[in-house]
Amino acid sequence: MIGKKAIKGFSLLLAFCLLFSLAACTGSDSQTGGSASAAGESEDLSNTLVYAGESESTINPVLNNHDELPDLIFSGLMKYDGSGTPVCDLAERYDYDDATLTYTFRLRSGVKWHDGKEFTADDVVYTYDLLTKDKSLSSTITSNYEDIVSAAAPDKSTVVIRLGKYNAAMLDYFTIGILPKHLTEGQDINTMAFNQAPVGTGRYRFVKWDTAGGRIILERNSAYYGKVPNIERVIYKTVAVESTKATMLQSGEADLAWLNAKYADTFRGKDGYQNIDFKTADYRGISMDFGTKFWQENGDSIGVLNYAIDKEAIVKSVLAGRGLAAYSPIQLNRLGGSTAADIYPYNLNQFAQQMAKLGWAKGSDGIYERRGEKFHFTIQVRDYEEERVDIANLCASQLKAAGVDMEVVLVTKFDWKAGYNGFLSGYAAQFDPDMFYKNYVTGASDNTMKYSNARVDQLLSEGRHTKDESKRKQIYQEFEDVYAQQPGVVLVAFLDGCYVSIKDLDGLDTTRLLGHHAVGVLWNIEEWTLSK
């Protein structure tokens, strides 16, 4: 286990970063956010939102659908409103025929791509064919579309999508951004240049990706079919290091950023700033890789680890109280929250009893052993995600005191082939709980940790294919109960979405539950105003 430097050195680190903010934010590394000069000192930024965002590699919604940028640049047949309900977007209206499991979408007329070309039904069919038929597509979301049998365009304003089975979450998945057929057809979707120079139909159009300055520049789409945003431009700073975001806000190099709880608290009550706190469905947990031999042999001993982790203490310390202890991946979802799944109180006596039942016994060094093997496993954490590092370190410290050796390995980039036994993960199902189908069903498109449980597969399939909302709630709460008995993740905490902005930014709406990395804050950006 690594030391507690990330915890003890927080105050010193922030002070250092704020003192030397200009030095920290200059240079050509795209992960640092760039400098004031890189942003263009001669530019008029009075109506430009400078957002300290995430480090990015692609802006293709088919490849990167949890990011803020695709939602600004692209549009889907549907979009989410403030309550997280799918409503019409590129589709002016739609009909659903239950007998044939067919959606018929009537498209808006006069919609143009950002390059001026006409948007048609062929673009929609092309996008859904990619998601359902292109075997070369390297995407984590394809399991969302596996019930689609066909997509067709009887005319340029109509799209007909037929399902093989009823899918309760299908309208949610129709929010995916549509790609322009005329610019991407025949190319390798995974590697094409379009992914770094996208053309959509959305509220903002892509202008430039300044990799040296670490910024992506967007301008409002004056030809947008909906309400044209008040804010003229968005400069999205590609930032990886958490402390850098706080530094950029302090030095005036950013107007808005999602910060970890401790950094956000340094701005509370500070002149010129405002804290905007959202609720999120974003959890942090220790995800175990069942592709490794250790968990293939010891997967029965994952759930018991919950007894040895004081999650409330982690929420109070690392998250500054801005979050809550986690027991289910969907406990904050409208269809989740089964208290029967909350079966692991922090209790070291119960931990010891359950370990004995599982056949573990402490060795001379105080670490549990079974079948001649130490209870030792490795967890990788990206070194620039300070909050995750702190969570991992505290979990490791508590587990070590209980007799389990969880080794925290800091990496610059996740390495899925290095043999680590897991990683400090974050996921969210802020809309329909079916969002976790792709994570937990055996062989699904985002089940990177190779978790497999036949009953979980059955329940998530039933939840997806059941119409009645009350029955779905019963199914998903049973999923919570079953998953708690045989988890693939030691769930630790749900995070609040702690945003900080300058005082001159208005219109942020906290109605919506946000997702992973507090994604979704820009959902109503067309209503925002900036008067700096």
Protein backbone atom coordinates (compact mmCIF):
# COMPACT_ATOMS: atom_id res chain seq x y z
CA MET A 1 0.00 0.00 0.00
CA ILE A 2 1.25 3.48 -0.76
CA GLY A 3 1.46 6.11 1.95
CA LYS A 4 -1.04 8.74 3.03
CA LYS A 5 0.66 11.68 1.35
CA ALA A 6 -2.35 12.44 -0.82
CA ILE A 7 -4.43 12.81 2.33
CA LYS A 8 -2.03 14.67 4.59
CA GLY A 9 -0.70 16.96 1.90
CA PHE A 10 -4.00 18.32 0.64
CA SER A 11 -3.78 21.76 2.22
CA LEU A 12 -0.13 22.17 1.27
CA LEU A 13 -0.81 21.09 -2.30
CA LEU A 14 -3.64 23.55 -2.80
CA ALA A 15 -1.64 26.40 -1.32
CA PHE A 16 1.27 25.58 -3.60
CA CYS A 17 -0.99 25.37 -6.64
CA LEU A 18 -2.70 28.66 -5.94
CA LEU A 19 0.59 30.43 -5.24
CA PHE A 20 2.16 29.20 -8.45
CA SER A 21 -0.99 29.10 -10.59
CA LEU A 22 0.55 30.73 -13.63
CA ALA A 23 3.45 28.31 -13.67
CA ALA A 24 1.14 25.35 -13.15
CA CYS A 25 -1.06 26.25 -16.06
CA THR A 26 1.48 27.20 -18.72
CA GLY A 27 3.20 24.95 -21.20
CA SER A 28 2.06 22.79 -24.09
CA ASP A 29 0.77 19.70 -22.24
CA SER A 30 -2.91 19.38 -23.19
CA GLN A 31 -3.69 17.85 -19.81
CA THR A 32 -2.73 20.98 -17.89
CA GLY A 33 -5.28 23.26 -19.45
CA GLY A 34 -2.98 25.72 -21.24
CA SER A 35 -2.13 29.27 -20.31
CA ALA A 36 -3.72 32.68 -20.57
CA SER A 37 -1.61 33.40 -23.62
CA ALA A 38 -2.63 30.08 -25.14
CA ALA A 39 -6.26 31.09 -24.68
CA GLY A 40 -5.52 34.19 -26.70
CA GLU A 41 -5.00 37.39 -24.73
CA SER A 42 -6.33 39.47 -27.61
CA GLU A 43 -9.59 37.51 -27.75
CA ASP A 44 -12.80 39.06 -26.45
CA LEU A 45 -13.91 36.60 -23.76
CA SER A 46 -16.77 38.71 -22.39
CA ASN A 47 -19.38 36.27 -23.72
CA THR A 48 -17.20 33.17 -23.80
CA LEU A 49 -17.60 30.42 -21.22
CA VAL A 50 -14.22 28.96 -20.29
CA TYR A 51 -14.91 25.52 -18.85
CA ALA A 52 -12.21 23.48 -17.14
CA GLY A 53 -13.41 20.10 -18.32
CA GLU A 54 -11.86 16.66 -18.75
CA SER A 55 -8.93 15.31 -20.71
CA GLU A 56 -10.36 14.12 -24.04
CA SER A 57 -9.33 12.02 -27.01
CA THR A 58 -12.53 11.92 -29.09
CA ILE A 59 -15.79 13.86 -29.50
CA ASN A 60 -17.70 11.14 -31.34
CA PRO A 61 -20.92 10.31 -29.44
CA VAL A 62 -20.83 6.72 -30.67
CA LEU A 63 -17.44 6.31 -28.99
CA ASN A 64 -17.76 8.80 -26.11
CA ASN A 65 -21.32 9.22 -24.92
CA HIS A 66 -20.78 10.27 -21.29
CA ASP A 67 -18.95 13.48 -22.13
CA GLU A 68 -20.32 17.03 -22.11
CA LEU A 69 -19.01 17.90 -25.58
CA PRO A 70 -21.05 15.47 -27.73
CA ASP A 71 -24.25 16.80 -26.15
CA LEU A 72 -23.33 20.32 -27.24
CA ILE A 73 -22.27 19.48 -30.78
CA PHE A 74 -24.61 16.63 -31.71
CA SER A 75 -28.35 16.01 -31.47
CA GLY A 76 -30.30 12.78 -31.11
CA LEU A 77 -33.77 11.73 -32.08
CA MET A 78 -34.58 12.37 -28.42
CA LYS A 79 -32.99 14.39 -25.62
CA TYR A 80 -33.40 14.50 -21.84
CA ASP A 81 -35.35 17.24 -20.13
CA GLY A 82 -34.56 18.56 -16.66
CA SER A 83 -36.24 15.63 -14.95
CA GLY A 84 -34.26 13.10 -17.00
CA THR A 85 -37.23 12.15 -19.20
CA PRO A 86 -36.60 11.56 -22.93
CA VAL A 87 -38.40 14.14 -25.09
CA CYS A 88 -38.32 14.83 -28.83
CA ASP A 89 -35.30 16.55 -30.35
CA LEU A 90 -34.42 15.84 -34.01
CA ALA A 91 -37.68 13.92 -34.03
CA GLU A 92 -40.64 16.27 -34.22
CA ARG A 93 -42.86 13.44 -33.02
CA TYR A 94 -42.91 9.67 -32.89
CA ASP A 95 -45.35 6.77 -32.78
CA TYR A 96 -44.85 3.35 -31.24
CA ASP A 97 -46.70 0.27 -32.46
CA ASP A 98 -46.66 -2.37 -29.76
CA ALA A 99 -47.89 -5.13 -32.05
CA THR A 100 -44.88 -4.82 -34.34
CA LEU A 101 -42.46 -3.31 -31.76
CA THR A 102 -41.87 -0.44 -34.19
CA TYR A 103 -40.95 3.18 -33.57
CA THR A 104 -41.76 5.63 -36.37
CA PHE A 105 -40.04 9.00 -36.07
CA ARG A 106 -41.11 12.08 -38.05
CA LEU A 107 -38.07 14.33 -38.32
CA ARG A 108 -37.86 18.09 -38.05
CA SER A 109 -37.67 19.84 -41.40
CA GLY A 110 -34.96 22.31 -42.32
CA VAL A 111 -32.29 20.98 -39.95
CA LYS A 112 -28.75 21.54 -41.24
CA TRP A 113 -25.44 20.01 -40.36
CA HIS A 114 -22.86 22.51 -39.19
CA ASP A 115 -21.27 22.36 -42.66
CA GLY A 116 -24.57 23.49 -44.22
CA LYS A 117 -25.64 20.13 -45.65
CA GLU A 118 -29.20 18.93 -45.11
CA PHE A 119 -29.89 16.50 -42.28
CA THR A 120 -32.05 13.57 -43.43
CA ALA A 121 -33.37 10.21 -42.29
CA ASP A 122 -30.44 8.54 -44.07
CA ASP A 123 -28.11 9.97 -41.40
CA VAL A 124 -30.22 8.37 -38.68
CA VAL A 125 -30.33 4.97 -40.36
CA TYR A 126 -26.60 5.15 -41.00
CA THR A 127 -25.88 5.85 -37.30
CA TYR A 128 -28.06 3.03 -36.02
CA ASP A 129 -26.62 0.62 -38.56
CA LEU A 130 -23.17 1.46 -37.16
CA LEU A 131 -24.34 0.72 -33.65
CA THR A 132 -26.02 -2.57 -34.54
CA LYS A 133 -24.20 -3.98 -37.57
CA ASP A 134 -20.62 -2.69 -37.66
CA LYS A 135 -18.57 -5.48 -36.07
CA SER A 136 -15.42 -3.34 -36.18
CA LEU A 137 -16.92 -0.64 -33.96
CA SER A 138 -15.01 -0.38 -30.68
CA SER A 139 -17.68 1.08 -28.42
CA THR A 140 -18.88 0.42 -24.89
CA ILE A 141 -22.52 1.23 -25.67
CA THR A 142 -23.47 -1.33 -28.33
CA SER A 143 -25.34 -3.50 -25.79
CA ASN A 144 -27.83 -0.64 -25.46
CA TYR A 145 -28.94 -1.28 -29.05
CA GLU A 146 -28.95 -5.07 -29.26
CA ASP A 147 -32.77 -5.24 -29.40
CA ILE A 148 -32.88 -3.24 -32.64
CA VAL A 149 -33.60 -5.50 -35.61
CA SER A 150 -33.68 -2.90 -38.37
CA ALA A 151 -33.64 0.81 -39.14
CA ALA A 152 -35.10 2.13 -42.39
CA ALA A 153 -35.91 5.44 -44.06
CA PRO A 154 -39.06 5.26 -46.24
CA ASP A 155 -38.47 8.93 -47.07
CA LYS A 156 -36.02 11.64 -46.05
CA SER A 157 -38.19 12.79 -43.14
CA THR A 158 -39.19 9.43 -41.68
CA VAL A 159 -37.26 6.79 -39.76
CA VAL A 160 -38.69 3.39 -38.83
CA ILE A 161 -36.86 1.38 -36.18
CA ARG A 162 -38.06 -2.12 -35.40
CA LEU A 163 -37.17 -4.08 -32.28
CA GLY A 164 -36.94 -7.80 -31.75
CA LYS A 165 -38.09 -7.43 -28.13
CA TYR A 166 -39.78 -4.66 -26.19
CA ASN A 167 -37.12 -2.49 -24.52
CA ALA A 168 -38.24 -0.23 -21.68
CA ALA A 169 -35.15 1.98 -21.98
CA MET A 170 -35.19 2.39 -25.76
CA LEU A 171 -36.31 6.02 -25.75
CA ASP A 172 -33.33 6.78 -23.49
CA TYR A 173 -30.99 5.25 -26.02
CA PHE A 174 -32.54 7.22 -28.86
CA THR A 175 -30.81 10.25 -27.30
CA ILE A 176 -27.50 9.17 -28.89
CA GLY A 177 -26.04 11.85 -31.18
CA ILE A 178 -26.57 11.25 -34.90
CA LEU A 179 -23.51 11.19 -37.18
CA PRO A 180 -23.36 12.78 -40.65
CA LYS A 181 -23.31 10.02 -43.23
CA HIS A 182 -21.77 12.23 -45.91
CA LEU A 183 -18.67 12.93 -43.77
CA THR A 184 -18.04 9.56 -42.12
CA GLU A 185 -19.32 6.78 -44.37
CA GLY A 186 -16.63 4.34 -45.48
CA GLN A 187 -14.13 5.45 -42.82
CA ASP A 188 -12.84 3.61 -39.78
CA ILE A 189 -15.18 5.02 -37.14
CA ASN A 190 -12.71 4.23 -34.38
CA THR A 191 -9.79 6.23 -35.79
CA MET A 192 -11.15 8.74 -38.34
CA ALA A 193 -10.07 12.39 -38.18
CA PHE A 194 -13.73 13.37 -37.71
CA ASN A 195 -13.46 12.22 -34.09
CA GLN A 196 -11.26 15.25 -33.35
CA ALA A 197 -13.05 17.62 -35.75
CA PRO A 198 -16.75 16.76 -35.39
CA VAL A 199 -19.69 18.15 -37.36
CA GLY A 200 -23.11 17.88 -35.77
CA THR A 201 -26.54 19.53 -35.71
CA GLY A 202 -26.46 20.71 -32.09
CA ARG A 203 -26.41 23.97 -30.17
CA TYR A 204 -22.69 24.59 -30.68
CA ARG A 205 -20.43 23.91 -33.62
CA PHE A 206 -16.84 22.77 -33.41
CA VAL A 207 -14.24 25.39 -34.40
CA LYS A 208 -10.82 24.15 -33.34
CA TRP A 209 -8.97 21.65 -31.16
CA ASP A 210 -5.86 23.44 -29.92
CA THR A 211 -3.88 20.52 -28.54
CA ALA A 212 -0.88 22.69 -27.66
CA GLY A 213 -3.03 25.09 -25.67
CA GLY A 214 -5.17 22.31 -24.22
CA ARG A 215 -8.50 23.71 -25.37
CA ILE A 216 -11.42 22.86 -27.63
CA ILE A 217 -13.23 25.86 -29.07
CA LEU A 218 -16.94 25.88 -29.91
CA GLU A 219 -19.20 28.61 -31.28
CA ARG A 220 -22.95 28.80 -30.94
CA ASN A 221 -24.91 27.49 -33.90
CA SER A 222 -26.90 30.48 -35.12
CA ALA A 223 -28.88 28.14 -37.41
CA TYR A 224 -29.87 25.83 -34.54
CA TYR A 225 -33.46 24.60 -34.85
CA GLY A 226 -34.16 25.16 -31.14
CA LYS A 227 -33.34 28.05 -28.85
CA VAL A 228 -29.98 29.53 -29.83
CA PRO A 229 -27.75 29.87 -26.73
CA ASN A 230 -27.04 33.29 -25.23
CA ILE A 231 -23.37 32.45 -24.69
CA GLU A 232 -21.46 32.93 -27.95
CA ARG A 233 -18.52 30.61 -27.40
CA VAL A 234 -17.38 27.78 -25.19
CA ILE A 235 -13.69 27.17 -24.62
CA TYR A 236 -13.40 23.70 -23.15
CA LYS A 237 -10.07 23.26 -21.39
CA THR A 238 -8.83 19.66 -21.50
CA VAL A 239 -7.72 19.21 -17.90
CA ALA A 240 -6.78 15.99 -16.15
CA VAL A 241 -5.19 17.12 -12.88
CA GLU A 242 -7.76 18.00 -10.21
CA SER A 243 -5.65 20.67 -8.52
CA THR A 244 -5.17 22.43 -11.85
CA LYS A 245 -8.89 23.07 -12.19
CA ALA A 246 -8.96 24.83 -8.82
CA THR A 247 -5.90 26.81 -9.80
CA MET A 248 -7.47 27.89 -13.09
CA LEU A 249 -10.58 29.18 -11.32
CA GLN A 250 -8.47 31.04 -8.77
CA SER A 251 -6.28 32.67 -11.44
CA GLY A 252 -9.17 33.64 -13.73
CA GLU A 253 -8.30 31.10 -16.42
CA ALA A 254 -11.63 29.29 -16.06
CA ASP A 255 -15.22 30.32 -15.40
CA LEU A 256 -16.63 26.92 -14.45
CA ALA A 257 -15.29 23.60 -13.21
CA TRP A 258 -16.37 20.42 -11.49
CA LEU A 259 -14.07 20.05 -8.47
CA ASN A 260 -13.62 17.39 -5.87
CA ALA A 261 -15.38 18.22 -2.61
CA LYS A 262 -12.33 19.54 -0.76
CA TYR A 263 -11.24 21.88 -3.53
CA ALA A 264 -14.83 23.09 -3.99
CA ASP A 265 -15.04 23.94 -0.30
CA THR A 266 -12.07 26.33 -0.60
CA PHE A 267 -14.30 28.58 -2.75
CA ARG A 268 -17.36 28.62 -0.46
CA GLY A 269 -18.11 32.18 0.58
CA LYS A 270 -15.21 33.51 -1.49
CA ASP A 271 -15.87 36.83 -3.25
CA GLY A 272 -16.40 36.50 -6.98
CA TYR A 273 -17.35 32.80 -6.92
CA GLN A 274 -20.39 30.65 -6.39
CA ASN A 275 -20.75 26.98 -5.48
CA ILE A 276 -23.46 25.06 -7.33
CA ASP A 277 -24.08 21.66 -5.76
CA PHE A 278 -25.79 18.91 -7.73
CA LYS A 279 -26.87 15.45 -6.72
CA THR A 280 -25.34 12.72 -8.85
CA ALA A 281 -25.72 8.97 -9.39
CA ASP A 282 -21.91 8.74 -9.59
CA TYR A 283 -20.45 6.06 -7.34
CA ARG A 284 -16.88 5.17 -6.45
CA GLY A 285 -15.94 1.59 -5.73
CA ILE A 286 -13.22 -1.03 -5.93
CA SER A 287 -13.96 -2.93 -9.15
CA MET A 288 -12.51 -6.41 -9.28
CA ASP A 289 -11.15 -7.84 -12.52
CA PHE A 290 -12.49 -11.37 -12.94
CA GLY A 291 -10.13 -11.83 -15.84
CA THR A 292 -7.35 -12.26 -13.26
CA LYS A 293 -6.62 -15.54 -11.52
CA PHE A 294 -6.91 -14.10 -8.03
CA TRP A 295 -10.59 -13.18 -8.36
CA GLN A 296 -11.40 -16.26 -10.38
CA GLU A 297 -10.29 -18.22 -7.32
CA ASN A 298 -11.42 -15.81 -4.58
CA GLY A 299 -14.50 -14.08 -5.97
CA ASP A 300 -16.54 -15.49 -3.07
CA SER A 301 -14.62 -13.17 -0.72
CA ILE A 302 -15.42 -9.80 -2.31
CA GLY A 303 -18.66 -8.97 -0.50
CA VAL A 304 -17.19 -9.59 2.95
CA LEU A 305 -14.66 -6.78 2.39
CA ASN A 306 -17.51 -4.31 2.90
CA TYR A 307 -17.56 -5.14 6.62
CA ALA A 308 -13.99 -3.86 6.97
CA ILE A 309 -14.45 -0.48 5.28
CA ASP A 310 -15.82 2.47 7.24
CA LYS A 311 -17.62 4.17 4.38
CA GLU A 312 -19.15 6.90 6.51
CA ALA A 313 -15.68 7.93 7.65
CA ILE A 314 -14.53 8.12 4.03
CA VAL A 315 -17.52 10.31 3.11
CA LYS A 316 -16.79 12.64 6.03
CA SER A 317 -13.06 12.89 5.37
CA VAL A 318 -12.31 12.52 1.66
CA LEU A 319 -15.65 13.87 0.43
CA ALA A 320 -15.96 16.52 3.16
CA GLY A 321 -19.40 15.11 3.89
CA ARG A 322 -20.61 15.80 0.35
CA GLY A 323 -21.86 12.37 -0.61
CA LEU A 324 -23.22 9.23 1.01
CA ALA A 325 -22.16 5.67 1.70
CA ALA A 326 -22.96 3.24 -1.13
CA TYR A 327 -24.50 -0.21 -0.92
CA SER A 328 -26.09 -0.60 -4.38
CA PRO A 329 -25.10 0.74 -7.81
CA ILE A 330 -28.69 1.95 -8.33
CA GLN A 331 -29.66 2.98 -4.81
CA LEU A 332 -30.34 6.57 -5.98
CA ASN A 333 -32.34 5.49 -9.03
CA ARG A 334 -36.11 5.86 -9.02
CA LEU A 335 -36.42 2.08 -9.46
CA GLY A 336 -33.71 1.17 -6.97
CA GLY A 337 -32.99 1.76 -3.32
CA SER A 338 -33.82 -1.64 -1.80
CA THR A 339 -32.81 -1.38 1.85
CA ALA A 340 -32.69 -5.19 1.90
CA ALA A 341 -29.52 -4.89 -0.17
CA ASP A 342 -27.80 -2.88 2.57
CA ILE A 343 -26.34 -5.98 4.24
CA TYR A 344 -22.79 -4.95 5.10
CA PRO A 345 -22.49 -2.66 8.13
CA TYR A 346 -19.01 -1.58 9.13
CA ASN A 347 -18.30 -4.32 11.67
CA LEU A 348 -14.87 -5.84 12.13
CA ASN A 349 -16.21 -8.67 14.28
CA GLN A 350 -18.61 -9.75 11.55
CA PHE A 351 -15.77 -9.41 9.07
CA ALA A 352 -13.60 -11.80 11.08
CA GLN A 353 -16.45 -14.26 11.52
CA GLN A 354 -17.29 -14.30 7.81
CA MET A 355 -13.63 -14.65 6.84
CA ALA A 356 -13.36 -17.70 9.08
CA LYS A 357 -16.46 -19.22 7.45
CA LEU A 358 -14.85 -18.69 4.06
CA GLY A 359 -11.76 -20.58 5.19
CA TRP A 360 -9.37 -17.66 5.66
CA ALA A 361 -6.97 -17.57 8.60
CA LYS A 362 -4.46 -14.89 9.58
CA GLY A 363 -0.82 -15.63 8.99
CA SER A 364 2.07 -14.59 11.23
CA ASP A 365 2.16 -11.19 9.51
CA GLY A 366 -1.51 -10.54 10.27
CA ILE A 367 -2.64 -10.99 6.66
CA TYR A 368 -5.29 -13.58 5.91
CA GLU A 369 -4.30 -16.71 3.99
CA ARG A 370 -6.27 -19.46 2.28
CA ARG A 371 -5.04 -22.49 0.38
CA GLY A 372 -1.49 -21.23 0.80
CA GLU A 373 -2.18 -17.83 -0.76
CA LYS A 374 -2.14 -14.41 0.88
CA PHE A 375 -5.20 -12.16 0.59
CA HIS A 376 -3.23 -9.70 -1.50
CA PHE A 377 -4.51 -7.94 -4.62
CA THR A 378 -3.60 -4.87 -6.66
CA ILE A 379 -5.82 -1.91 -7.57
CA GLN A 380 -4.76 0.67 -10.14
CA VAL A 381 -5.69 4.33 -9.68
CA ARG A 382 -4.86 7.22 -11.98
CA ASP A 383 -2.40 9.41 -10.14
CA TYR A 384 -3.97 12.74 -11.13
CA GLU A 385 -7.39 11.85 -9.69
CA GLU A 386 -6.61 12.91 -6.14
CA GLU A 387 -10.01 12.11 -4.69
CA ARG A 388 -9.87 8.54 -6.01
CA VAL A 389 -6.34 8.17 -4.72
CA ASP A 390 -7.49 9.30 -1.27
CA ILE A 391 -10.45 6.91 -1.33
CA ALA A 392 -8.23 4.02 -2.40
CA ASN A 393 -5.62 4.80 0.25
CA LEU A 394 -8.16 4.94 3.07
CA CYS A 395 -9.80 1.71 1.91
CA ALA A 396 -6.37 0.06 1.74
CA SER A 397 -5.46 1.31 5.22
CA GLN A 398 -8.70 0.03 6.73
CA LEU A 399 -8.43 -3.32 4.96
CA LYS A 400 -4.81 -3.73 6.05
CA ALA A 401 -5.80 -3.17 9.67
CA ALA A 402 -8.40 -5.92 9.22
CA GLY A 403 -5.93 -8.35 7.63
CA VAL A 404 -6.31 -7.80 3.86
CA ASP A 405 -3.47 -6.43 1.73
CA MET A 406 -4.92 -4.24 -1.01
CA GLU A 407 -1.99 -2.69 -2.87
CA VAL A 408 -2.73 0.67 -4.49
CA VAL A 409 -0.76 1.21 -7.70
CA LEU A 410 -0.69 4.70 -9.17
CA VAL A 411 -0.74 4.85 -12.95
CA THR A 412 -0.84 7.68 -15.45
CA LYS A 413 -3.22 5.74 -17.67
CA PHE A 414 -5.21 2.59 -16.96
CA ASP A 415 -3.43 -0.51 -18.23
CA TRP A 416 -5.90 -3.35 -18.68
CA LYS A 417 -3.25 -5.83 -19.80
CA ALA A 418 -0.78 -5.41 -16.94
CA GLY A 419 -2.47 -7.94 -14.67
CA TYR A 420 -3.80 -5.60 -11.97
CA ASN A 421 -6.64 -7.19 -10.04
CA GLY A 422 -8.95 -4.21 -10.42
CA PHE A 423 -9.25 -0.44 -10.33
CA LEU A 424 -10.87 2.35 -8.33
CA SER A 425 -13.92 2.82 -10.49
CA GLY A 426 -16.74 5.27 -11.06
CA TYR A 427 -20.01 4.64 -12.87
CA ALA A 428 -23.54 6.03 -12.84
CA ALA A 429 -27.08 5.22 -13.95
CA GLN A 430 -28.64 8.67 -13.64
CA PHE A 431 -31.52 7.86 -15.98
CA ASP A 432 -32.93 4.37 -16.52
CA PRO A 433 -31.34 1.59 -14.41
CA ASP A 434 -30.91 -0.37 -17.65
CA MET A 435 -27.82 1.81 -18.10
CA PHE A 436 -26.03 -0.86 -16.03
CA TYR A 437 -27.04 -3.71 -18.35
CA LYS A 438 -23.90 -3.11 -20.41
CA ASN A 439 -21.73 -3.18 -17.25
CA TYR A 440 -23.02 -6.21 -15.39
CA VAL A 441 -24.49 -8.66 -17.92
CA THR A 442 -22.13 -11.45 -18.94
CA GLY A 443 -20.28 -10.50 -22.12
CA ALA A 444 -21.97 -7.09 -22.45
CA SER A 445 -20.19 -4.25 -24.22
CA ASP A 446 -18.95 -2.38 -21.13
CA ASN A 447 -18.39 -5.36 -18.84
CA THR A 448 -14.65 -4.76 -18.84
CA MET A 449 -14.16 -6.56 -15.51
CA LYS A 450 -15.78 -9.78 -16.82
CA TYR A 451 -18.30 -10.01 -14.01
CA SER A 452 -20.75 -12.89 -14.47
CA ASN A 453 -23.78 -13.95 -12.45
CA ALA A 454 -26.57 -15.93 -14.11
CA ARG A 455 -29.30 -14.52 -11.85
CA VAL A 456 -28.08 -10.95 -12.38
CA ASP A 457 -28.15 -11.59 -16.15
CA GLN A 458 -31.72 -12.84 -15.89
CA LEU A 459 -32.96 -9.95 -13.75
CA LEU A 460 -31.34 -7.23 -15.87
CA SER A 461 -32.80 -8.83 -18.99
CA GLU A 462 -36.24 -8.96 -17.37
CA GLY A 463 -35.95 -5.36 -16.24
CA ARG A 464 -35.09 -4.26 -19.76
CA HIS A 465 -37.95 -6.20 -21.38
CA THR A 466 -40.75 -5.51 -18.86
CA LYS A 467 -43.34 -2.79 -19.55
CA ASP A 468 -45.01 -2.29 -16.20
CA GLU A 469 -43.11 0.28 -14.11
CA SER A 470 -44.06 -1.25 -10.75
CA LYS A 471 -42.91 -4.69 -11.91
CA ARG A 472 -39.67 -3.20 -13.16
CA LYS A 473 -39.08 -1.68 -9.73
CA GLN A 474 -39.55 -5.08 -8.12
CA ILE A 475 -37.12 -6.62 -10.60
CA TYR A 476 -34.43 -3.99 -10.09
CA GLN A 477 -34.70 -4.12 -6.33
CA GLU A 478 -34.30 -7.89 -6.50
CA PHE A 479 -31.25 -7.26 -8.67
CA GLU A 480 -29.85 -5.09 -5.87
CA ASP A 481 -30.42 -7.86 -3.34
CA VAL A 482 -28.85 -10.54 -5.54
CA TYR A 483 -25.91 -8.37 -6.52
CA ALA A 484 -25.16 -7.53 -2.89
CA GLN A 485 -24.74 -11.24 -2.18
CA GLN A 486 -22.22 -11.67 -5.01
CA PRO A 487 -20.82 -8.27 -5.96
CA GLY A 488 -18.10 -7.49 -8.45
CA VAL A 489 -17.52 -4.06 -6.92
CA VAL A 490 -16.94 -3.06 -3.32
CA LEU A 491 -19.11 0.04 -3.42
CA VAL A 492 -17.79 2.88 -1.28
CA ALA A 493 -19.64 6.16 -1.84
CA PHE A 494 -21.81 8.30 -4.08
CA LEU A 495 -20.44 11.76 -4.77
CA ASP A 496 -22.20 15.10 -4.85
CA GLY A 497 -21.50 17.13 -7.97
CA CYS A 498 -19.55 20.11 -6.64
CA TYR A 499 -19.34 22.80 -9.31
CA VAL A 500 -17.73 26.19 -8.85
CA SER A 501 -18.22 29.14 -11.19
CA ILE A 502 -17.58 32.83 -11.32
CA LYS A 503 -20.39 35.01 -9.97
CA ASP A 504 -21.16 36.36 -13.43
CA LEU A 505 -22.51 33.03 -14.72
CA ASP A 506 -26.25 32.48 -14.30
CA GLY A 507 -28.77 29.82 -15.26
CA LEU A 508 -27.30 26.56 -14.01
CA ASP A 509 -30.21 24.30 -13.07
CA THR A 510 -29.68 21.69 -10.35
CA THR A 511 -32.96 19.88 -11.09
CA ARG A 512 -31.36 17.02 -12.98
CA LEU A 513 -29.51 14.16 -11.32
CA LEU A 514 -26.05 14.17 -12.89
CA GLY A 515 -24.00 11.20 -14.09
CA HIS A 516 -20.44 9.90 -14.00
CA HIS A 517 -17.95 12.71 -13.38
CA ALA A 518 -21.03 14.86 -12.69
CA VAL A 519 -21.75 14.92 -16.42
CA GLY A 520 -24.87 16.78 -17.54
CA VAL A 521 -24.30 20.21 -16.02
CA LEU A 522 -24.61 21.82 -19.48
CA TRP A 523 -28.02 20.28 -20.20
CA ASN A 524 -29.73 23.70 -20.32
CA ILE A 525 -26.80 25.86 -21.46
CA GLU A 526 -29.03 27.67 -23.94
CA GLU A 527 -30.65 29.33 -20.90
CA TRP A 528 -27.36 30.46 -19.34
CA THR A 529 -26.10 34.03 -19.37
CA LEU A 530 -22.62 35.39 -18.81
CA SER A 531 -21.85 38.99 -17.93
CA LYS A 532 -18.15 39.13 -17.10
